[in-house]
Amino acid sequence: MSATVDTVTFEVASAALQSAAEEMGSVLKRSSYSPIIRDMDDFSCALFTAEGDLAAQADYIPAQLGAMSLVVQSILRRWDGRIREGDAYICNHPYQGAMHLPDVNIVTPIFVGGALVAWAGTAAHHIDVGGVNPGSEGPELGELYGEGVVMPPIRLSIAGEENEDLVALLTENFRDPLSTLSDLRAQRAACHLGAERVAELAELYGTEPLLEVMRRMLTSVEATIGRLLAELPDGVGEAEGSLDDDGRGGDPTRIHARIEKRGDRLAIDLSGCDPQTAGAMNIPWASARAALVYAVRAVVASEVRANDGVLRVLDITAPQGSVVNPLPPAAVSIRHNSCQRLADTLIRAMHAIWPDRAVASSQVSFFSFNIGSTHPSTGAASVMADVVGGGTGATPHGDGLDGVDTYMANVGVMPTEVVETNYNVRIRRTEFRPGSQGLGRFHGGLGLVREYEILEHPQHATFYAEQTDARFAPAGAAGGTGALPTVITVIGPDGAVIDRPTKTSRVLAPGTIVRVESAGGGGYGDAAERPEELRARDAREGRLGAVNAEEETR
């Protein structure tokens, strides 16, 4: 029987649960070993109902919104009736609720009075989980097995004791086991903190009232988004976008969305997307679902908390075997570039229904640089994983943001000092890319330029981006122009350009330089209407570059 909870208690207790999820994030960030978690914030933390519905999540990475609950539900299916207090589960299986293999989930059951009442969970990107390439990613890979160690929901801890057999297995399969295992333990510590906070709230309010609060958190989000949808005009919108290729240099891959809004519901049809790809550009269902949650929140309900209540207003069609819902064992390690394109396409489809909410497109290229290196001081093997953002699209209210992770991403660029003290890699420069933005009454944000120089010895690298094809560069809106595409350049030790790849895995000789020039954001509105104070700032800060400066003076 559900307990009765008054409005004040609901608001205070739900805020406490949200705070607990955010506190879990603080523990994970401060306890982690590798820079991608500690410095770049590539992780999320959440609390779930006993049935596995996500109730409260700290908004670190939108790409993980709405995804982790599928892992909890996989745990329940596999382990129902055998779940014990003190157990901690680990899972990175893309076809059992997880995303790509480097995003490892650690989930712990929360018991109060001997009964399972909730779950605490974390998802974090690990710098290496084995596989063919350092960093456990590879656009050219065709099967999941080459991407790393695949873990269905299994126990990292059993009744409070670490599973030594599993730890031994993982140690022998990871290139940098110290970093990976340390980060897994930091995730488990964050889950323990979440369990403590839930237990404290159960003692304060009573177990049944707290469970009712969690249920109402879901129904409240469902009702709020339904109400916001009901206030908007009904209609149908479609949009499509393309990935540069299939991960292996093949033809562009189509992403298509048709969205119909009727009353307080959205029907989202992804059946127009291309079949799953030969390379690793496929989007596992957890990640595709996260894109749907992100897009709806971005366009319809940006102030509403994220939980699984969002999904309750959506009717989703996504045929299996497509690039947005692949069948195993299709490779998925580069799925985030595809997720970014899916998010952009969903948002543009909603803009077709509600043009007054339209904004210009942001970059989706998400340049990633993974390399098997060594520590400059100790010589120990180390794996570096860096991400470079770009420009966001302009809006009716102002210019886009410069040099940030866009859409579903929210990762910071790795500090130069961290790179050069942990890896035999030198950062030659990190700066904005003038002229990369689309023009309009409001300009898009600037892309970034970053150069990596390989030091000391040959190193195996994987790096890739999207929007290297100018046809698919970020588009403008309401008369604004599009942005420049992303460019990757590899320069040999002799200073000569070797090539300009879009996606590659290769061994780089010492002295080789890899340069990325990321896309800017699209412009919004008529450039002739740009306010004079913004024109003055463009000139003062040298933001336009030669091509855009000439364009603006016409």
Protein backbone atom coordinates (compact mmCIF):
# COMPACT_ATOMS: atom_id res chain seq x y z
CA MET A 1 0.00 0.00 0.00
CA SER A 2 1.34 3.45 -0.93
CA ALA A 3 2.03 5.86 1.89
CA THR A 4 0.53 9.34 1.88
CA VAL A 5 3.16 12.07 1.41
CA ASP A 6 2.29 15.76 1.70
CA THR A 7 3.63 18.30 -0.79
CA VAL A 8 6.26 19.80 1.49
CA THR A 9 7.67 16.38 2.42
CA PHE A 10 7.73 15.39 -1.24
CA GLU A 11 9.66 18.49 -2.28
CA VAL A 12 12.19 18.22 0.55
CA ALA A 13 12.73 14.47 0.24
CA SER A 14 12.97 14.51 -3.56
CA ALA A 15 15.52 17.33 -3.36
CA ALA A 16 17.47 15.24 -0.84
CA LEU A 17 17.53 12.29 -3.25
CA GLN A 18 18.70 14.57 -6.06
CA SER A 19 21.37 15.97 -3.75
CA ALA A 20 22.48 12.44 -2.89
CA ALA A 21 23.00 11.66 -6.60
CA GLU A 22 25.06 14.83 -6.98
CA GLU A 23 27.07 14.00 -3.86
CA MET A 24 27.81 10.60 -5.37
CA GLY A 25 29.28 12.49 -8.33
CA SER A 26 31.54 14.50 -6.05
CA VAL A 27 32.84 11.32 -4.42
CA LEU A 28 33.53 9.71 -7.79
CA LYS A 29 35.26 12.76 -9.23
CA ARG A 30 37.48 13.28 -6.17
CA SER A 31 38.30 9.57 -5.74
CA SER A 32 39.01 8.61 -9.35
CA TYR A 33 42.46 7.97 -10.76
CA SER A 34 42.29 8.74 -14.48
CA PRO A 35 42.01 12.25 -15.99
CA ILE A 36 38.94 11.44 -18.10
CA ILE A 37 36.89 11.14 -14.91
CA ARG A 38 38.84 13.34 -12.50
CA ASP A 39 39.47 16.29 -14.84
CA MET A 40 37.05 15.82 -17.73
CA ASP A 41 33.89 14.70 -15.86
CA ASP A 42 32.95 11.82 -18.17
CA PHE A 43 30.62 10.05 -15.73
CA SER A 44 27.11 10.06 -14.25
CA CYS A 45 25.53 8.97 -10.96
CA ALA A 46 21.93 8.07 -10.20
CA LEU A 47 19.43 6.49 -7.81
CA PHE A 48 16.79 4.02 -8.96
CA THR A 49 13.62 2.49 -7.62
CA ALA A 50 13.69 -1.16 -6.58
CA GLU A 51 12.14 -2.01 -9.97
CA GLY A 52 14.98 -0.26 -11.81
CA ASP A 53 13.37 3.04 -12.83
CA LEU A 54 15.74 6.00 -12.73
CA ALA A 55 14.41 8.46 -10.13
CA ALA A 56 17.26 10.95 -9.58
CA GLN A 57 20.37 11.59 -11.67
CA ALA A 58 23.20 14.08 -11.44
CA ASP A 59 23.41 15.78 -14.85
CA TYR A 60 27.06 15.30 -15.74
CA ILE A 61 26.77 13.64 -19.17
CA PRO A 62 23.46 13.90 -21.06
CA ALA A 63 24.57 10.92 -23.18
CA GLN A 64 23.93 8.77 -20.12
CA LEU A 65 20.48 10.22 -19.37
CA GLY A 66 17.84 7.54 -19.45
CA ALA A 67 20.42 4.85 -20.17
CA MET A 68 21.52 3.43 -16.83
CA SER A 69 18.11 2.09 -15.81
CA LEU A 70 18.39 -0.53 -18.55
CA VAL A 71 21.46 -1.94 -16.79
CA VAL A 72 19.59 -2.17 -13.47
CA GLN A 73 16.77 -4.00 -15.22
CA SER A 74 19.30 -6.42 -16.78
CA ILE A 75 20.68 -7.11 -13.31
CA LEU A 76 17.18 -7.84 -12.03
CA ARG A 77 16.49 -10.25 -14.90
CA ARG A 78 19.73 -12.16 -14.37
CA TRP A 79 20.03 -12.09 -10.59
CA ASP A 80 16.45 -11.88 -9.31
CA GLY A 81 16.14 -13.88 -6.10
CA ARG A 82 19.92 -13.95 -5.55
CA ILE A 83 20.63 -10.27 -4.83
CA ARG A 84 22.30 -9.76 -1.45
CA GLU A 85 23.27 -6.80 0.66
CA GLY A 86 26.89 -5.88 -0.02
CA ASP A 87 26.83 -7.05 -3.65
CA ALA A 88 28.12 -4.68 -6.33
CA TYR A 89 27.41 -5.40 -10.00
CA ILE A 90 29.49 -4.44 -13.01
CA CYS A 91 28.22 -4.25 -16.60
CA ASN A 92 29.36 -2.71 -19.87
CA HIS A 93 27.48 -4.93 -22.32
CA PRO A 94 25.87 -2.75 -25.04
CA TYR A 95 23.25 -5.41 -25.73
CA GLN A 96 22.33 -5.83 -22.07
CA GLY A 97 21.57 -2.22 -21.21
CA ALA A 98 24.96 -0.49 -21.34
CA MET A 99 26.43 1.86 -23.95
CA HIS A 100 29.87 1.26 -25.46
CA LEU A 101 32.41 -0.91 -23.63
CA PRO A 102 34.53 1.89 -22.07
CA ASP A 103 31.41 3.21 -20.28
CA VAL A 104 31.36 0.80 -17.35
CA ASN A 105 28.38 0.70 -14.98
CA ILE A 106 28.76 -0.13 -11.28
CA VAL A 107 25.43 -0.67 -9.52
CA THR A 108 24.69 -1.64 -5.91
CA PRO A 109 21.41 -2.72 -4.31
CA ILE A 110 20.13 -0.68 -1.35
CA PHE A 111 18.58 -2.66 1.49
CA VAL A 112 16.61 -1.20 4.39
CA GLY A 113 15.37 -3.54 7.08
CA GLY A 114 16.44 -6.54 5.00
CA ALA A 115 14.31 -5.52 2.01
CA LEU A 116 15.55 -4.27 -1.39
CA VAL A 117 14.21 -0.71 -1.65
CA ALA A 118 16.36 1.02 -4.27
CA TRP A 119 19.59 0.95 -6.30
CA ALA A 120 22.59 3.27 -6.56
CA GLY A 121 24.43 3.38 -9.87
CA THR A 122 27.33 5.03 -11.64
CA ALA A 123 28.50 5.03 -15.26
CA ALA A 124 32.00 6.23 -16.08
CA HIS A 125 34.22 6.23 -19.14
CA HIS A 126 37.37 4.17 -18.59
CA ILE A 127 40.52 4.87 -20.55
CA ASP A 128 40.94 1.21 -21.56
CA VAL A 129 38.99 -2.02 -21.20
CA GLY A 130 41.10 -4.11 -23.56
CA GLY A 131 40.45 -4.89 -27.20
CA VAL A 132 42.42 -4.32 -30.38
CA ASN A 133 43.21 -0.63 -29.90
CA PRO A 134 44.43 1.34 -26.88
CA GLY A 135 41.39 3.18 -25.55
CA SER A 136 39.04 0.34 -26.59
CA GLU A 137 37.62 2.20 -29.57
CA GLY A 138 38.08 1.73 -33.30
CA PRO A 139 35.93 3.06 -36.14
CA GLU A 140 37.14 0.24 -38.39
CA LEU A 141 36.07 -2.56 -36.04
CA GLY A 142 33.18 -4.72 -37.22
CA GLU A 143 32.36 -6.77 -34.13
CA LEU A 144 31.93 -6.04 -30.45
CA TYR A 145 34.53 -8.63 -29.51
CA GLY A 146 37.39 -6.52 -30.88
CA GLU A 147 36.41 -3.50 -28.80
CA GLY A 148 37.34 -4.87 -25.37
CA VAL A 149 36.25 -7.10 -22.52
CA VAL A 150 32.47 -7.57 -22.64
CA MET A 151 30.89 -7.83 -19.19
CA PRO A 152 27.24 -8.81 -18.73
CA PRO A 153 25.82 -8.02 -15.26
CA ILE A 154 28.25 -9.85 -12.94
CA ARG A 155 29.42 -9.22 -9.39
CA LEU A 156 32.41 -7.00 -8.66
CA SER A 157 31.72 -7.52 -4.95
CA ILE A 158 29.97 -10.44 -3.28
CA ALA A 159 28.35 -9.78 0.10
CA GLY A 160 30.79 -6.93 0.74
CA GLU A 161 33.95 -8.73 -0.42
CA GLU A 162 35.68 -7.86 -3.70
CA ASN A 163 35.52 -10.65 -6.26
CA GLU A 164 39.23 -11.48 -6.50
CA ASP A 165 38.81 -13.81 -9.47
CA LEU A 166 37.14 -11.08 -11.52
CA VAL A 167 39.78 -8.52 -10.52
CA ALA A 168 42.54 -10.92 -11.58
CA LEU A 169 40.85 -11.49 -14.94
CA LEU A 170 40.42 -7.78 -15.59
CA THR A 171 44.01 -7.01 -14.54
CA GLU A 172 45.33 -9.29 -17.26
CA ASN A 173 43.10 -7.81 -19.97
CA PHE A 174 43.47 -4.05 -19.45
CA ARG A 175 46.45 -2.06 -20.70
CA ASP A 176 46.46 0.23 -17.66
CA PRO A 177 44.89 -1.87 -14.89
CA LEU A 178 45.93 0.49 -12.10
CA SER A 179 43.84 3.31 -13.60
CA THR A 180 40.86 1.17 -14.54
CA LEU A 181 40.59 -0.80 -11.31
CA SER A 182 41.11 2.33 -9.21
CA ASP A 183 38.28 4.04 -11.07
CA LEU A 184 35.99 1.01 -10.65
CA ARG A 185 36.58 1.16 -6.90
CA ALA A 186 35.85 4.88 -6.91
CA GLN A 187 32.54 4.13 -8.63
CA ARG A 188 31.72 1.51 -6.01
CA ALA A 189 32.54 4.01 -3.23
CA ALA A 190 30.14 6.51 -4.81
CA CYS A 191 27.41 3.86 -4.82
CA HIS A 192 28.05 3.14 -1.14
CA LEU A 193 27.59 6.83 -0.40
CA GLY A 194 24.28 6.81 -2.29
CA ALA A 195 23.11 3.79 -0.30
CA GLU A 196 24.00 5.51 2.98
CA ARG A 197 22.03 8.61 2.03
CA VAL A 198 18.95 6.60 1.04
CA ALA A 199 19.10 4.67 4.31
CA GLU A 200 19.32 7.94 6.26
CA LEU A 201 16.27 9.30 4.43
CA ALA A 202 14.36 6.08 5.07
CA GLU A 203 15.09 6.44 8.77
CA LEU A 204 14.04 10.09 8.72
CA TYR A 205 10.79 9.77 6.74
CA GLY A 206 10.03 6.05 6.94
CA THR A 207 10.67 3.50 4.20
CA GLU A 208 7.21 3.51 2.63
CA PRO A 209 6.94 7.32 2.46
CA LEU A 210 10.41 7.47 0.84
CA LEU A 211 9.42 4.88 -1.75
CA GLU A 212 6.29 6.88 -2.48
CA VAL A 213 8.48 9.98 -2.98
CA MET A 214 10.53 8.08 -5.58
CA ARG A 215 7.38 6.95 -7.38
CA ARG A 216 6.02 10.51 -7.37
CA MET A 217 9.30 11.86 -8.75
CA LEU A 218 8.62 9.78 -11.84
CA THR A 219 4.92 10.62 -12.15
CA SER A 220 5.64 14.31 -11.51
CA VAL A 221 8.08 14.50 -14.43
CA GLU A 222 5.67 12.54 -16.61
CA ALA A 223 2.81 14.90 -15.76
CA THR A 224 4.88 18.06 -16.19
CA ILE A 225 6.20 17.13 -19.62
CA GLY A 226 2.74 15.98 -20.68
CA ARG A 227 1.31 19.35 -19.61
CA LEU A 228 4.04 21.25 -21.48
CA LEU A 229 3.39 19.20 -24.60
CA ALA A 230 -0.35 19.80 -24.35
CA GLU A 231 0.31 23.55 -24.40
CA LEU A 232 2.16 23.29 -27.73
CA PRO A 233 0.51 23.02 -31.17
CA ASP A 234 -0.05 19.56 -32.61
CA GLY A 235 1.86 18.71 -35.74
CA VAL A 236 4.35 16.53 -37.59
CA GLY A 237 8.00 17.28 -38.23
CA GLU A 238 10.74 15.40 -40.07
CA ALA A 239 14.47 15.89 -40.36
CA GLU A 240 17.47 13.93 -41.50
CA GLY A 241 21.22 14.12 -41.17
CA SER A 242 24.15 12.05 -42.28
CA LEU A 243 27.25 10.55 -40.79
CA ASP A 244 30.30 11.06 -43.00
CA ASP A 245 30.61 7.31 -43.56
CA ASP A 246 30.09 3.90 -41.96
CA GLY A 247 33.30 4.02 -39.89
CA ARG A 248 35.29 2.30 -42.63
CA GLY A 249 35.25 4.99 -45.32
CA GLY A 250 32.05 3.76 -46.96
CA ASP A 251 29.01 5.76 -48.02
CA PRO A 252 27.33 8.29 -45.70
CA THR A 253 24.94 6.82 -43.16
CA ARG A 254 21.44 8.34 -42.98
CA ILE A 255 19.83 9.34 -39.68
CA HIS A 256 16.14 10.22 -40.04
CA ALA A 257 13.47 11.16 -37.52
CA ARG A 258 9.74 11.70 -37.92
CA ILE A 259 8.01 13.18 -34.87
CA GLU A 260 4.28 13.60 -34.42
CA LYS A 261 2.88 15.55 -31.48
CA ARG A 262 -0.72 14.88 -30.50
CA GLY A 263 -2.11 16.21 -27.23
CA ASP A 264 0.25 15.33 -24.42
CA ARG A 265 2.33 12.71 -26.27
CA LEU A 266 5.13 12.50 -28.81
CA ALA A 267 5.43 9.69 -31.34
CA ILE A 268 9.04 9.36 -32.49
CA ASP A 269 9.69 7.19 -35.54
CA LEU A 270 13.30 6.30 -36.40
CA SER A 271 12.45 3.68 -39.02
CA GLY A 272 13.91 5.90 -41.77
CA CYS A 273 17.45 5.43 -40.47
CA ASP A 274 19.90 3.32 -42.45
CA PRO A 275 20.64 -0.30 -41.50
CA GLN A 276 23.40 -0.94 -38.99
CA THR A 277 26.86 -0.08 -40.27
CA ALA A 278 29.85 -2.26 -41.12
CA GLY A 279 32.05 -0.19 -38.81
CA ALA A 280 31.63 0.91 -35.22
CA MET A 281 29.21 3.82 -35.77
CA ASN A 282 26.16 1.89 -34.50
CA ILE A 283 24.14 3.27 -31.57
CA PRO A 284 23.17 0.70 -28.92
CA TRP A 285 19.59 1.11 -27.74
CA ALA A 286 20.56 2.57 -24.35
CA SER A 287 22.38 5.42 -26.10
CA ALA A 288 19.61 6.00 -28.64
CA ARG A 289 17.09 6.18 -25.81
CA ALA A 290 19.31 8.69 -24.03
CA ALA A 291 19.28 10.85 -27.18
CA LEU A 292 15.47 10.87 -27.15
CA VAL A 293 15.40 11.95 -23.50
CA TYR A 294 17.98 14.66 -24.15
CA ALA A 295 16.20 16.09 -27.20
CA VAL A 296 12.80 16.22 -25.51
CA ARG A 297 14.25 17.96 -22.48
CA ALA A 298 16.23 20.40 -24.65
CA VAL A 299 13.26 21.53 -26.75
CA VAL A 300 10.23 20.97 -24.54
CA ALA A 301 11.23 20.89 -20.88
CA SER A 302 14.75 22.16 -20.23
CA GLU A 303 14.00 22.99 -16.58
CA VAL A 304 12.53 19.60 -15.72
CA ARG A 305 14.65 17.09 -13.82
CA ALA A 306 15.86 14.04 -15.69
CA ASN A 307 14.35 10.70 -14.80
CA ASP A 308 12.51 7.88 -16.50
CA GLY A 309 9.25 9.81 -16.27
CA VAL A 310 10.31 11.50 -19.54
CA LEU A 311 10.04 8.18 -21.39
CA ARG A 312 6.43 7.69 -20.32
CA VAL A 313 5.17 10.38 -22.73
CA LEU A 314 7.03 8.93 -25.72
CA ASP A 315 5.86 6.34 -28.25
CA ILE A 316 9.04 5.12 -29.93
CA THR A 317 9.54 3.18 -33.16
CA ALA A 318 13.12 2.00 -33.78
CA PRO A 319 13.38 -1.22 -35.82
CA GLN A 320 16.07 -3.67 -34.76
CA GLY A 321 18.93 -3.97 -37.21
CA SER A 322 19.12 -0.23 -37.86
CA VAL A 323 22.03 2.06 -37.01
CA VAL A 324 20.03 3.33 -33.99
CA ASN A 325 19.10 -0.14 -32.70
CA PRO A 326 21.67 -2.64 -33.98
CA LEU A 327 21.74 -6.38 -33.53
CA PRO A 328 24.68 -8.08 -31.83
CA PRO A 329 27.55 -8.46 -32.33
CA ALA A 330 27.71 -5.18 -34.28
CA ALA A 331 30.51 -2.87 -33.10
CA VAL A 332 29.42 0.29 -31.28
CA SER A 333 32.55 1.95 -29.87
CA ILE A 334 32.22 5.16 -31.92
CA ARG A 335 28.53 5.45 -31.11
CA HIS A 336 28.85 8.89 -29.53
CA ASN A 337 29.42 10.65 -32.86
CA SER A 338 26.29 8.96 -34.16
CA CYS A 339 24.39 9.91 -30.97
CA GLN A 340 25.32 13.54 -31.51
CA ARG A 341 23.98 13.42 -35.05
CA LEU A 342 20.80 11.70 -33.81
CA ALA A 343 20.30 14.40 -31.17
CA ASP A 344 20.73 17.16 -33.78
CA THR A 345 18.27 15.43 -36.11
CA LEU A 346 15.64 14.96 -33.39
CA ILE A 347 15.90 18.61 -32.38
CA ARG A 348 15.55 19.81 -35.97
CA ALA A 349 12.49 17.57 -36.43
CA MET A 350 10.88 19.23 -33.41
CA HIS A 351 11.83 22.64 -34.77
CA ALA A 352 9.82 21.75 -37.90
CA ILE A 353 6.75 21.45 -35.64
CA TRP A 354 7.55 24.52 -33.53
CA PRO A 355 9.60 26.95 -35.68
CA ASP A 356 9.60 29.57 -32.93
CA ARG A 357 11.90 27.28 -30.93
CA ALA A 358 14.42 26.79 -33.74
CA VAL A 359 18.13 27.34 -33.16
CA ALA A 360 21.11 26.77 -35.45
CA SER A 361 22.88 23.43 -35.38
CA SER A 362 25.92 22.79 -33.21
CA GLN A 363 28.95 20.76 -34.17
CA VAL A 364 28.50 17.02 -33.72
CA SER A 365 32.03 16.08 -34.79
CA PHE A 366 33.26 15.17 -31.28
CA PHE A 367 36.94 14.66 -32.12
CA SER A 368 38.39 11.88 -29.95
CA PHE A 369 42.08 11.04 -29.54
CA ASN A 370 43.09 7.77 -27.86
CA ILE A 371 46.72 6.68 -27.64
CA GLY A 372 48.74 3.94 -26.03
CA SER A 373 51.61 5.84 -24.46
CA THR A 374 54.00 5.64 -21.51
CA HIS A 375 54.42 7.74 -18.38
CA PRO A 376 57.25 10.27 -18.90
CA SER A 377 58.71 9.69 -15.42
CA THR A 378 58.17 5.99 -14.75
CA GLY A 379 57.98 4.52 -18.23
CA ALA A 380 54.90 2.55 -17.21
CA ALA A 381 52.29 1.84 -19.87
CA SER A 382 49.49 4.40 -19.93
CA VAL A 383 46.51 5.14 -22.14
CA MET A 384 45.36 8.67 -22.92
CA ALA A 385 41.81 9.56 -23.97
CA ASP A 386 41.09 13.17 -24.96
CA VAL A 387 38.08 14.89 -26.50
CA VAL A 388 37.93 18.23 -28.34
CA GLY A 389 34.68 20.20 -28.57
CA GLY A 390 33.56 22.88 -30.99
CA GLY A 391 30.97 25.62 -31.45
CA THR A 392 27.31 25.55 -30.51
CA GLY A 393 24.64 26.95 -32.79
CA ALA A 394 23.42 30.53 -32.44
CA THR A 395 19.95 31.16 -31.04
CA PRO A 396 17.38 33.94 -31.51
CA HIS A 397 18.85 35.50 -28.37
CA GLY A 398 22.62 35.45 -28.93
CA ASP A 399 25.80 33.96 -30.32
CA GLY A 400 26.70 30.33 -29.83
CA LEU A 401 29.26 29.17 -27.29
CA ASP A 402 32.90 28.77 -28.26
CA GLY A 403 34.88 25.56 -27.92
CA VAL A 404 32.60 23.37 -25.80
CA ASP A 405 31.27 19.84 -25.90
CA THR A 406 27.81 20.09 -27.45
CA TYR A 407 24.43 18.35 -27.33
CA MET A 408 24.69 15.08 -25.39
CA ALA A 409 28.34 15.59 -24.46
CA ASN A 410 29.63 17.59 -21.53
CA VAL A 411 33.29 16.62 -21.30
CA GLY A 412 36.07 19.12 -20.68
CA VAL A 413 39.23 19.18 -22.77
CA MET A 414 42.17 17.59 -20.95
CA PRO A 415 44.45 20.25 -19.40
CA THR A 416 47.83 20.54 -21.12
CA GLU A 417 49.65 20.05 -17.83
CA VAL A 418 47.81 16.78 -17.22
CA VAL A 419 48.64 15.49 -20.72
CA GLU A 420 52.34 16.29 -20.50
CA THR A 421 52.89 14.96 -16.97
CA ASN A 422 51.10 11.65 -17.62
CA TYR A 423 51.88 10.76 -21.25
CA ASN A 424 54.69 11.06 -23.77
CA VAL A 425 52.62 13.54 -25.75
CA ARG A 426 53.11 17.29 -26.11
CA ILE A 427 50.25 19.73 -26.66
CA ARG A 428 51.63 22.26 -29.13
CA ARG A 429 48.62 24.54 -29.05
CA THR A 430 44.98 24.77 -28.01
CA GLU A 431 43.11 27.79 -29.32
CA PHE A 432 39.89 28.96 -30.91
CA ARG A 433 39.45 28.63 -34.68
CA PRO A 434 38.55 32.07 -36.12
CA GLY A 435 36.17 31.93 -39.05
CA SER A 436 34.86 28.46 -38.27
CA GLN A 437 31.43 29.76 -37.22
CA GLY A 438 28.33 30.32 -39.31
CA LEU A 439 27.24 33.95 -39.71
CA GLY A 440 23.90 35.59 -38.95
CA ARG A 441 22.31 38.21 -36.79
CA PHE A 442 23.91 36.02 -34.19
CA HIS A 443 26.98 34.01 -35.09
CA GLY A 444 27.69 30.43 -34.15
CA GLY A 445 30.34 29.57 -31.62
CA LEU A 446 33.95 29.02 -32.64
CA GLY A 447 35.56 25.63 -33.11
CA LEU A 448 38.88 24.69 -31.55
CA VAL A 449 42.36 23.93 -32.87
CA ARG A 450 44.49 21.45 -30.91
CA GLU A 451 47.81 19.85 -31.86
CA TYR A 452 49.31 16.69 -30.35
CA GLU A 453 53.00 15.85 -30.87
CA ILE A 454 54.19 12.28 -30.33
CA LEU A 455 57.33 12.01 -28.18
CA GLU A 456 60.04 9.44 -27.43
CA HIS A 457 58.77 6.29 -29.19
CA PRO A 458 56.16 5.02 -31.70
CA GLN A 459 52.66 5.06 -30.22
CA HIS A 460 49.42 3.35 -31.33
CA ALA A 461 46.66 5.94 -31.73
CA THR A 462 43.00 5.96 -32.69
CA PHE A 463 41.41 9.28 -33.60
CA TYR A 464 38.25 10.23 -35.40
CA ALA A 465 35.64 12.92 -35.99
CA GLU A 466 32.43 13.62 -37.85
CA GLN A 467 31.47 16.54 -40.11
CA THR A 468 34.70 16.33 -42.07
CA ASP A 469 32.42 16.31 -45.13
CA ALA A 470 31.35 19.91 -45.85
CA ARG A 471 27.88 18.68 -46.91
CA PHE A 472 27.19 17.69 -43.31
CA ALA A 473 28.70 20.67 -41.49
CA PRO A 474 26.56 22.46 -38.86
CA ALA A 475 23.63 24.24 -40.51
CA GLY A 476 22.36 27.73 -39.87
CA ALA A 477 18.76 28.68 -39.06
CA ALA A 478 16.37 31.51 -40.01
CA GLY A 479 18.71 32.69 -42.78
CA GLY A 480 21.99 32.14 -40.95
CA THR A 481 24.85 30.42 -42.74
CA GLY A 482 26.46 27.08 -41.92
CA ALA A 483 29.78 26.54 -40.19
CA LEU A 484 33.04 25.14 -41.52
CA PRO A 485 33.59 21.37 -41.37
CA THR A 486 36.10 19.67 -39.11
CA VAL A 487 39.61 19.02 -40.48
CA ILE A 488 42.11 16.47 -39.15
CA THR A 489 45.68 16.75 -40.42
CA VAL A 490 48.56 14.35 -39.78
CA ILE A 491 52.02 15.92 -40.20
CA GLY A 492 55.13 13.75 -40.34
CA PRO A 493 58.37 14.31 -38.41
CA ASP A 494 59.79 16.01 -41.52
CA GLY A 495 57.02 18.63 -41.47
CA ALA A 496 55.23 17.30 -44.54
CA VAL A 497 51.50 16.57 -44.47
CA ILE A 498 50.91 12.82 -44.50
CA ASP A 499 47.12 12.85 -44.91
CA ARG A 500 43.83 14.29 -43.71
CA PRO A 501 41.86 11.32 -42.40
CA THR A 502 38.36 11.35 -40.96
CA LYS A 503 38.72 8.21 -38.81
CA THR A 504 41.81 6.09 -38.32
CA SER A 505 43.81 3.72 -36.11
CA ARG A 506 47.56 3.70 -36.74
CA VAL A 507 51.03 3.77 -35.19
CA LEU A 508 52.54 7.27 -35.07
CA ALA A 509 56.29 7.83 -35.17
CA PRO A 510 58.00 10.22 -32.72
CA GLY A 511 57.77 13.78 -34.00
CA THR A 512 54.43 13.19 -35.74
CA ILE A 513 51.83 15.91 -35.17
CA VAL A 514 48.07 15.36 -35.23
CA ARG A 515 46.09 18.56 -35.65
CA VAL A 516 42.33 18.87 -35.30
CA GLU A 517 40.37 21.96 -36.37
CA SER A 518 36.85 21.39 -35.12
CA ALA A 519 33.64 22.73 -36.59
CA GLY A 520 31.97 25.87 -35.31
CA GLY A 521 28.23 26.34 -34.81
CA GLY A 522 25.71 27.54 -37.38
CA GLY A 523 24.54 31.16 -37.53
CA TYR A 524 21.01 32.43 -36.79
CA GLY A 525 19.15 35.12 -38.72
CA ASP A 526 20.18 37.68 -41.31
CA ALA A 527 23.84 38.72 -40.96
CA ALA A 528 22.93 42.23 -42.19
CA GLU A 529 21.01 42.71 -38.92
CA ARG A 530 23.96 41.93 -36.66
CA PRO A 531 24.18 44.55 -33.86
CA GLU A 532 27.06 46.99 -34.17
CA GLU A 533 28.46 46.18 -30.73
CA LEU A 534 28.82 42.53 -31.74
CA ARG A 535 30.46 43.51 -35.05
CA ALA A 536 32.94 45.59 -33.08
CA ARG A 537 33.71 42.66 -30.82
CA ASP A 538 34.22 40.37 -33.83
CA ALA A 539 36.80 42.79 -35.25
CA ARG A 540 38.49 43.49 -31.91
CA GLU A 541 38.93 39.81 -31.08
CA GLY A 542 39.72 38.65 -34.63
CA ARG A 543 36.87 36.14 -34.56
CA LEU A 544 35.90 36.11 -38.23
CA GLY A 545 38.99 34.83 -40.03
CA ALA A 546 39.77 35.88 -43.60
CA VAL A 547 36.83 34.18 -45.35
CA ASN A 548 34.13 35.21 -42.90
CA ALA A 549 35.52 38.77 -42.62
CA GLU A 550 35.17 39.14 -46.39
CA GLU A 551 31.68 37.63 -46.29
CA GLU A 552 30.49 40.01 -43.56
CA THR A 553 31.66 43.12 -45.44
CA ARG A 554 29.62 42.29 -48.54
